[in-house]
Structures are given as structure tokens and as C-alpha cells.
Amino acid sequence: MTMTSDVFTDFDRFAASVLDSVRGPRLMPVDLFREGDQYVLHADLPGIDPGSIDVDVDGGQLSIRAQRTADTREGVKWLARERGGQSFLRQFTLGDGVDPDRISASYDNGVLSVIIPVSERAKPRKIAVGTAQTAHAINA
């Protein structure tokens, strides 16, 4: 197979690599839904070393950071190189109705799953309704 070099394609690749290096962190696509008494967040992070993933809560903000390291093989002739080192960042504001102390996360097959439990005080609850017969008089 013979590949020819196109000046415009080479320039496009060079410009994209320069722009990618100055753009900063990239966003990661997510799905977020409520299931029962918890919120579930799935974030796509393919090719990420699980050790580079950082999930933290600071005040009412949930932050997810991850880093993909560029392949630095030597002695090969790169024909295409579009999966360079990248950093990813996504931040979410948490409402009062979640329990930040019980947030958990796992990473499997390129997908980060974050479980955000609903706080006890935010869960629906039944209120007992009394009748006039069960009401107690208050003496002052």
C-alpha cells in the first residue's frame, strides 16, 4: 500500500495538534439520570488509565478529571496520530438533595460510573395526619 503526502492534509494535522495543545481540558460526554434513591452518571473516558481519574467533591461541586498519556513509542513511523495525550474535565453543581459523603465511583470498559445517593432529608416521606380527637390541648 502506498500513501502519498498531501501538503494541505499535513498542514491540517499540524494545525489541529497545535490547537489541541492550547485548548486545555476537553469535555467528556455524559449521561445522567435518577434511578430510585440515587443519581447515576456515566462518563465516556476510553483509553484512560484508571489511576489518572480523579473524582472529588468540594462544597457543592463534583469534579471529574482524567488524563490520557500520549503513546511515545520510538522507532515507528506514525501514519496517523490523532490520539495524543489529553486531559479531560467535567464539573457539576450538586443540589442540597444529595448525600456527598456517600458518592462512589467505578471504571469499567472505558466508562466511569458515579453513583450520587439522594440524601435522607430529600427523600419523599409520609406525614401522619391526626384528627381532632387525637389532638392534645396545650395549657399556657
N, C-alpha and C. Protein backbone atom coordinates (compact mmCIF):
# COMPACT_ATOMS: atom_id res chain seq x y z
N MET A 1 0.85 -1.15 0.00
CA MET A 1 0.00 0.00 0.00
C MET A 1 0.90 1.23 0.00
N THR A 2 0.63 2.16 -0.88
CA THR A 2 1.42 3.38 -0.99
C THR A 2 0.59 4.55 -0.50
N MET A 3 1.17 5.35 0.39
CA MET A 3 0.49 6.54 0.89
C MET A 3 1.27 7.75 0.42
N THR A 4 0.57 8.73 -0.11
CA THR A 4 1.23 9.94 -0.54
C THR A 4 0.96 11.05 0.46
N SER A 5 1.86 12.00 0.51
CA SER A 5 1.72 13.12 1.43
C SER A 5 1.02 14.27 0.72
N ASP A 6 0.03 14.82 1.36
CA ASP A 6 -0.71 15.96 0.84
C ASP A 6 -0.38 17.15 1.73
N VAL A 7 0.12 18.23 1.13
CA VAL A 7 0.54 19.39 1.89
C VAL A 7 -0.60 19.93 2.75
N PHE A 8 -1.81 19.98 2.20
CA PHE A 8 -2.95 20.51 2.94
C PHE A 8 -3.34 19.60 4.11
N THR A 9 -3.29 18.31 3.88
CA THR A 9 -3.59 17.36 4.96
C THR A 9 -2.55 17.46 6.06
N ASP A 10 -1.27 17.55 5.67
CA ASP A 10 -0.20 17.68 6.66
C ASP A 10 -0.36 18.98 7.45
N PHE A 11 -0.70 20.08 6.77
CA PHE A 11 -0.90 21.35 7.47
C PHE A 11 -2.10 21.27 8.41
N ASP A 12 -3.17 20.60 7.96
CA ASP A 12 -4.37 20.44 8.80
C ASP A 12 -4.02 19.66 10.07
N ARG A 13 -3.27 18.60 9.94
CA ARG A 13 -2.86 17.81 11.10
C ARG A 13 -1.98 18.63 12.04
N PHE A 14 -1.06 19.40 11.46
CA PHE A 14 -0.19 20.23 12.29
C PHE A 14 -1.01 21.29 13.04
N ALA A 15 -1.90 21.96 12.34
CA ALA A 15 -2.73 22.99 12.97
C ALA A 15 -3.60 22.39 14.07
N ALA A 16 -4.18 21.21 13.81
CA ALA A 16 -5.02 20.56 14.82
C ALA A 16 -4.20 20.19 16.04
N SER A 17 -2.97 19.71 15.86
CA SER A 17 -2.15 19.35 17.02
C SER A 17 -1.77 20.57 17.84
N VAL A 18 -1.48 21.68 17.17
CA VAL A 18 -1.15 22.92 17.90
C VAL A 18 -2.38 23.41 18.65
N LEU A 19 -3.52 23.45 17.99
CA LEU A 19 -4.74 23.92 18.64
C LEU A 19 -5.13 23.01 19.80
N ASP A 20 -4.98 21.71 19.64
CA ASP A 20 -5.30 20.78 20.72
C ASP A 20 -4.42 21.02 21.94
N SER A 21 -3.18 21.39 21.72
CA SER A 21 -2.28 21.59 22.86
C SER A 21 -2.59 22.87 23.62
N VAL A 22 -3.25 23.84 23.00
CA VAL A 22 -3.56 25.10 23.70
C VAL A 22 -5.01 25.18 24.15
N ARG A 23 -5.83 24.27 23.73
CA ARG A 23 -7.24 24.31 24.10
C ARG A 23 -7.49 23.98 25.55
N GLY A 24 -6.63 23.21 26.15
CA GLY A 24 -6.85 22.83 27.54
C GLY A 24 -7.70 21.58 27.63
N PRO A 25 -8.27 21.36 28.82
CA PRO A 25 -9.03 20.13 29.04
C PRO A 25 -10.23 20.02 28.12
N ARG A 26 -10.52 18.80 27.71
CA ARG A 26 -11.68 18.54 26.87
C ARG A 26 -12.83 18.04 27.72
N LEU A 27 -14.03 18.27 27.21
CA LEU A 27 -15.20 17.75 27.90
C LEU A 27 -15.37 16.29 27.58
N MET A 28 -16.00 15.58 28.47
CA MET A 28 -16.29 14.18 28.25
C MET A 28 -17.80 14.04 28.13
N PRO A 29 -18.30 13.24 27.20
CA PRO A 29 -19.75 13.05 27.10
C PRO A 29 -20.27 12.26 28.29
N VAL A 30 -21.42 12.68 28.82
CA VAL A 30 -22.01 12.01 29.97
C VAL A 30 -23.49 11.75 29.77
N ASP A 31 -23.98 10.76 30.49
CA ASP A 31 -25.41 10.51 30.69
C ASP A 31 -25.64 10.65 32.18
N LEU A 32 -26.74 11.30 32.56
CA LEU A 32 -27.07 11.49 33.96
C LEU A 32 -28.56 11.22 34.12
N PHE A 33 -28.90 10.34 35.06
CA PHE A 33 -30.30 10.01 35.29
C PHE A 33 -30.53 9.66 36.75
N ARG A 34 -31.79 9.71 37.16
CA ARG A 34 -32.14 9.30 38.52
C ARG A 34 -32.76 7.92 38.43
N GLU A 35 -32.30 7.05 39.33
CA GLU A 35 -32.81 5.69 39.41
C GLU A 35 -33.08 5.40 40.88
N GLY A 36 -34.34 5.40 41.25
CA GLY A 36 -34.70 5.16 42.64
C GLY A 36 -34.19 6.28 43.53
N ASP A 37 -33.41 5.92 44.54
CA ASP A 37 -32.89 6.89 45.51
C ASP A 37 -31.45 7.31 45.21
N GLN A 38 -31.09 7.32 43.93
CA GLN A 38 -29.74 7.75 43.58
C GLN A 38 -29.71 8.33 42.16
N TYR A 39 -28.73 9.20 41.94
CA TYR A 39 -28.44 9.68 40.60
C TYR A 39 -27.29 8.86 40.08
N VAL A 40 -27.32 8.57 38.79
CA VAL A 40 -26.26 7.78 38.16
C VAL A 40 -25.69 8.60 37.02
N LEU A 41 -24.37 8.75 37.02
CA LEU A 41 -23.67 9.48 35.97
C LEU A 41 -22.73 8.52 35.27
N HIS A 42 -22.83 8.43 33.96
CA HIS A 42 -21.90 7.63 33.16
C HIS A 42 -21.12 8.59 32.27
N ALA A 43 -19.79 8.53 32.33
CA ALA A 43 -18.93 9.39 31.54
C ALA A 43 -18.03 8.54 30.65
N ASP A 44 -17.99 8.87 29.36
CA ASP A 44 -17.13 8.15 28.43
C ASP A 44 -15.70 8.64 28.56
N LEU A 45 -14.80 7.71 28.91
CA LEU A 45 -13.37 8.00 29.04
C LEU A 45 -12.56 6.85 28.45
N PRO A 46 -12.68 6.61 27.14
CA PRO A 46 -11.97 5.47 26.55
C PRO A 46 -10.46 5.68 26.55
N GLY A 47 -9.75 4.59 26.82
CA GLY A 47 -8.30 4.62 26.77
C GLY A 47 -7.64 5.32 27.93
N ILE A 48 -8.37 5.58 28.98
CA ILE A 48 -7.83 6.29 30.14
C ILE A 48 -7.32 5.28 31.16
N ASP A 49 -6.15 5.56 31.71
CA ASP A 49 -5.62 4.75 32.81
C ASP A 49 -6.47 5.06 34.04
N PRO A 50 -7.10 4.06 34.67
CA PRO A 50 -7.95 4.32 35.84
C PRO A 50 -7.22 5.08 36.95
N GLY A 51 -5.91 4.93 37.04
CA GLY A 51 -5.15 5.64 38.07
C GLY A 51 -5.09 7.14 37.84
N SER A 52 -5.40 7.60 36.62
CA SER A 52 -5.36 9.03 36.33
C SER A 52 -6.70 9.72 36.58
N ILE A 53 -7.73 8.94 36.91
CA ILE A 53 -9.06 9.51 37.10
C ILE A 53 -9.17 10.06 38.53
N ASP A 54 -9.64 11.29 38.62
CA ASP A 54 -9.81 11.94 39.92
C ASP A 54 -11.25 12.44 40.01
N VAL A 55 -11.99 11.93 40.99
CA VAL A 55 -13.36 12.37 41.25
C VAL A 55 -13.36 12.98 42.64
N ASP A 56 -13.75 14.25 42.74
CA ASP A 56 -13.79 14.87 44.06
C ASP A 56 -14.98 15.80 44.21
N VAL A 57 -15.33 16.03 45.46
CA VAL A 57 -16.42 16.94 45.82
C VAL A 57 -15.82 18.04 46.68
N ASP A 58 -16.05 19.27 46.27
CA ASP A 58 -15.59 20.42 47.04
C ASP A 58 -16.78 21.35 47.21
N GLY A 59 -17.29 21.41 48.43
CA GLY A 59 -18.51 22.18 48.65
C GLY A 59 -19.64 21.54 47.89
N GLY A 60 -20.28 22.27 47.04
CA GLY A 60 -21.38 21.74 46.25
C GLY A 60 -20.98 21.43 44.82
N GLN A 61 -19.69 21.19 44.56
CA GLN A 61 -19.21 20.95 43.20
C GLN A 61 -18.56 19.58 43.08
N LEU A 62 -19.05 18.77 42.12
CA LEU A 62 -18.45 17.48 41.80
C LEU A 62 -17.57 17.69 40.57
N SER A 63 -16.29 17.32 40.68
CA SER A 63 -15.35 17.46 39.57
C SER A 63 -14.82 16.10 39.17
N ILE A 64 -14.73 15.89 37.86
CA ILE A 64 -14.14 14.67 37.32
C ILE A 64 -13.00 15.10 36.41
N ARG A 65 -11.80 14.59 36.69
CA ARG A 65 -10.63 14.88 35.88
C ARG A 65 -10.00 13.55 35.46
N ALA A 66 -9.44 13.54 34.26
CA ALA A 66 -8.75 12.35 33.78
C ALA A 66 -7.67 12.77 32.79
N GLN A 67 -6.68 11.92 32.64
CA GLN A 67 -5.56 12.22 31.74
C GLN A 67 -5.27 11.00 30.88
N ARG A 68 -5.15 11.23 29.57
CA ARG A 68 -4.68 10.15 28.68
C ARG A 68 -3.27 10.52 28.24
N THR A 69 -2.35 9.60 28.43
CA THR A 69 -0.96 9.83 28.08
C THR A 69 -0.73 9.45 26.63
N ALA A 70 0.01 10.29 25.93
CA ALA A 70 0.32 10.02 24.52
C ALA A 70 1.23 8.81 24.39
N ASP A 71 1.05 8.06 23.32
CA ASP A 71 1.91 6.92 23.03
C ASP A 71 3.27 7.47 22.58
N THR A 72 4.32 7.08 23.25
CA THR A 72 5.65 7.63 22.94
C THR A 72 6.60 6.58 22.38
N ARG A 73 6.05 5.65 21.62
CA ARG A 73 6.92 4.62 21.03
C ARG A 73 7.95 5.25 20.12
N GLU A 74 9.13 4.69 20.18
CA GLU A 74 10.19 5.16 19.30
C GLU A 74 10.48 4.07 18.28
N GLY A 75 11.01 4.48 17.16
CA GLY A 75 11.37 3.51 16.13
C GLY A 75 10.21 3.10 15.25
N VAL A 76 9.10 3.83 15.32
CA VAL A 76 7.97 3.54 14.44
C VAL A 76 7.72 4.76 13.57
N LYS A 77 7.12 4.54 12.41
CA LYS A 77 6.75 5.63 11.52
C LYS A 77 5.24 5.82 11.66
N TRP A 78 4.84 6.92 12.29
CA TRP A 78 3.42 7.19 12.51
C TRP A 78 2.77 7.57 11.18
N LEU A 79 1.70 6.88 10.82
CA LEU A 79 0.94 7.20 9.62
C LEU A 79 -0.23 8.10 9.96
N ALA A 80 -0.75 7.96 11.13
CA ALA A 80 -1.80 8.84 11.66
C ALA A 80 -1.60 8.87 13.17
N ARG A 81 -1.77 10.03 13.76
CA ARG A 81 -1.59 10.15 15.21
C ARG A 81 -2.59 11.19 15.73
N GLU A 82 -3.78 10.72 16.01
CA GLU A 82 -4.86 11.61 16.44
C GLU A 82 -5.22 11.40 17.90
N ARG A 83 -4.65 10.42 18.56
CA ARG A 83 -4.97 10.10 19.95
C ARG A 83 -3.83 10.49 20.87
N GLY A 84 -3.48 11.75 20.84
CA GLY A 84 -2.39 12.22 21.67
C GLY A 84 -2.79 12.29 23.13
N GLY A 85 -1.87 12.79 23.94
CA GLY A 85 -2.17 12.98 25.36
C GLY A 85 -3.23 14.06 25.51
N GLN A 86 -4.20 13.79 26.34
CA GLN A 86 -5.29 14.75 26.54
C GLN A 86 -5.69 14.76 27.99
N SER A 87 -6.14 15.91 28.43
CA SER A 87 -6.73 15.98 29.77
C SER A 87 -8.22 16.26 29.59
N PHE A 88 -9.00 15.69 30.49
CA PHE A 88 -10.45 15.82 30.44
C PHE A 88 -10.93 16.40 31.76
N LEU A 89 -11.95 17.24 31.69
CA LEU A 89 -12.51 17.85 32.89
C LEU A 89 -14.00 18.05 32.71
N ARG A 90 -14.73 17.72 33.77
CA ARG A 90 -16.17 17.98 33.79
C ARG A 90 -16.55 18.31 35.22
N GLN A 91 -17.37 19.35 35.39
CA GLN A 91 -17.78 19.77 36.72
C GLN A 91 -19.29 19.90 36.76
N PHE A 92 -19.86 19.52 37.92
CA PHE A 92 -21.30 19.55 38.13
C PHE A 92 -21.59 20.19 39.47
N THR A 93 -22.64 21.00 39.51
CA THR A 93 -23.08 21.59 40.77
C THR A 93 -24.08 20.63 41.40
N LEU A 94 -23.82 20.28 42.65
CA LEU A 94 -24.70 19.36 43.37
C LEU A 94 -25.74 20.17 44.14
N GLY A 95 -26.95 19.72 44.12
CA GLY A 95 -28.00 20.37 44.88
C GLY A 95 -27.97 19.93 46.34
N ASP A 96 -28.86 20.53 47.13
CA ASP A 96 -28.94 20.20 48.55
C ASP A 96 -29.50 18.80 48.78
N GLY A 97 -30.13 18.21 47.79
CA GLY A 97 -30.81 16.94 47.98
C GLY A 97 -29.97 15.70 47.81
N VAL A 98 -28.63 15.83 47.76
CA VAL A 98 -27.78 14.66 47.61
C VAL A 98 -26.91 14.49 48.85
N ASP A 99 -26.38 13.28 49.01
CA ASP A 99 -25.52 12.96 50.15
C ASP A 99 -24.08 12.86 49.64
N PRO A 100 -23.30 13.95 49.70
CA PRO A 100 -21.94 13.93 49.13
C PRO A 100 -20.99 12.97 49.83
N ASP A 101 -21.27 12.60 51.07
CA ASP A 101 -20.39 11.68 51.80
C ASP A 101 -20.50 10.24 51.31
N ARG A 102 -21.55 9.91 50.57
CA ARG A 102 -21.75 8.53 50.11
C ARG A 102 -21.57 8.38 48.60
N ILE A 103 -21.02 9.36 47.92
CA ILE A 103 -20.78 9.26 46.48
C ILE A 103 -19.71 8.20 46.24
N SER A 104 -19.93 7.35 45.23
CA SER A 104 -18.96 6.31 44.89
C SER A 104 -18.74 6.32 43.37
N ALA A 105 -17.62 5.75 42.93
CA ALA A 105 -17.29 5.73 41.51
C ALA A 105 -16.59 4.43 41.15
N SER A 106 -16.81 3.99 39.90
CA SER A 106 -16.12 2.81 39.37
C SER A 106 -15.86 3.05 37.88
N TYR A 107 -14.87 2.33 37.34
CA TYR A 107 -14.47 2.49 35.94
C TYR A 107 -14.40 1.12 35.30
N ASP A 108 -15.13 0.94 34.20
CA ASP A 108 -15.17 -0.36 33.53
C ASP A 108 -15.39 -0.15 32.04
N ASN A 109 -14.56 -0.78 31.22
CA ASN A 109 -14.68 -0.73 29.76
C ASN A 109 -14.78 0.67 29.20
N GLY A 110 -13.98 1.60 29.75
CA GLY A 110 -13.93 2.95 29.22
C GLY A 110 -15.04 3.86 29.70
N VAL A 111 -15.85 3.39 30.65
CA VAL A 111 -16.94 4.20 31.17
C VAL A 111 -16.78 4.37 32.68
N LEU A 112 -16.77 5.63 33.12
CA LEU A 112 -16.74 5.96 34.53
C LEU A 112 -18.17 6.07 35.01
N SER A 113 -18.51 5.35 36.07
CA SER A 113 -19.85 5.41 36.66
C SER A 113 -19.73 6.05 38.04
N VAL A 114 -20.51 7.10 38.26
CA VAL A 114 -20.52 7.79 39.54
C VAL A 114 -21.93 7.67 40.10
N ILE A 115 -22.05 7.15 41.32
CA ILE A 115 -23.33 6.99 41.99
C ILE A 115 -23.45 8.09 43.04
N ILE A 116 -24.51 8.88 42.94
CA ILE A 116 -24.73 10.00 43.83
C ILE A 116 -26.04 9.76 44.58
N PRO A 117 -25.97 9.31 45.83
CA PRO A 117 -27.19 9.00 46.58
C PRO A 117 -27.98 10.26 46.94
N VAL A 118 -29.31 10.10 46.96
CA VAL A 118 -30.20 11.16 47.41
C VAL A 118 -30.12 11.18 48.94
N SER A 119 -30.07 12.36 49.54
CA SER A 119 -29.99 12.45 51.00
C SER A 119 -31.31 12.03 51.63
N GLU A 120 -31.24 11.56 52.85
CA GLU A 120 -32.44 11.10 53.57
C GLU A 120 -33.48 12.21 53.67
N ARG A 121 -33.02 13.43 53.92
CA ARG A 121 -33.99 14.53 54.10
C ARG A 121 -34.67 14.92 52.78
N ALA A 122 -34.09 14.53 51.64
CA ALA A 122 -34.69 14.87 50.35
C ALA A 122 -35.62 13.78 49.82
N LYS A 123 -35.63 12.62 50.48
CA LYS A 123 -36.48 11.52 50.02
C LYS A 123 -37.93 11.82 50.39
N PRO A 124 -38.86 11.40 49.55
CA PRO A 124 -40.27 11.57 49.90
C PRO A 124 -40.61 10.79 51.17
N ARG A 125 -41.46 11.35 51.97
CA ARG A 125 -41.86 10.65 53.20
C ARG A 125 -43.33 10.93 53.47
N LYS A 126 -43.92 10.04 54.21
CA LYS A 126 -45.33 10.17 54.59
C LYS A 126 -45.42 11.02 55.84
N ILE A 127 -46.44 11.84 55.89
CA ILE A 127 -46.72 12.66 57.06
C ILE A 127 -48.01 12.13 57.67
N ALA A 128 -47.94 11.77 58.94
CA ALA A 128 -49.13 11.26 59.63
C ALA A 128 -50.12 12.41 59.83
N VAL A 129 -51.36 12.14 59.53
CA VAL A 129 -52.40 13.15 59.70
C VAL A 129 -53.23 12.76 60.91
N GLY A 130 -53.25 13.63 61.89
CA GLY A 130 -54.03 13.37 63.11
C GLY A 130 -55.46 13.91 62.95
N THR A 131 -56.31 13.53 63.87
CA THR A 131 -57.69 14.04 63.89
C THR A 131 -57.86 14.92 65.12
N ALA A 132 -58.97 15.60 65.18
CA ALA A 132 -59.24 16.48 66.33
C ALA A 132 -59.30 15.66 67.61
N GLN A 133 -59.70 14.41 67.51
CA GLN A 133 -59.81 13.57 68.70
C GLN A 133 -58.44 13.20 69.28
N THR A 134 -57.41 13.18 68.41
CA THR A 134 -56.09 12.82 68.90
C THR A 134 -55.24 14.03 69.23
N ALA A 135 -55.78 15.21 68.96
CA ALA A 135 -55.03 16.44 69.25
C ALA A 135 -55.00 16.67 70.76
N HIS A 136 -53.91 17.17 71.25
CA HIS A 136 -53.76 17.42 72.68
C HIS A 136 -53.89 18.92 72.94
N ALA A 137 -54.50 19.25 74.00
CA ALA A 137 -54.64 20.65 74.38
C ALA A 137 -53.36 21.12 75.02
N ILE A 138 -53.00 22.35 74.75
CA ILE A 138 -51.79 22.94 75.33
C ILE A 138 -52.23 23.95 76.38
N ASN A 139 -51.80 23.74 77.59
CA ASN A 139 -52.13 24.68 78.66
C ASN A 139 -51.00 25.70 78.79
N ALA A 140 -51.40 26.97 78.87
CA ALA A 140 -50.38 28.01 78.98
C ALA A 140 -50.28 28.51 80.40
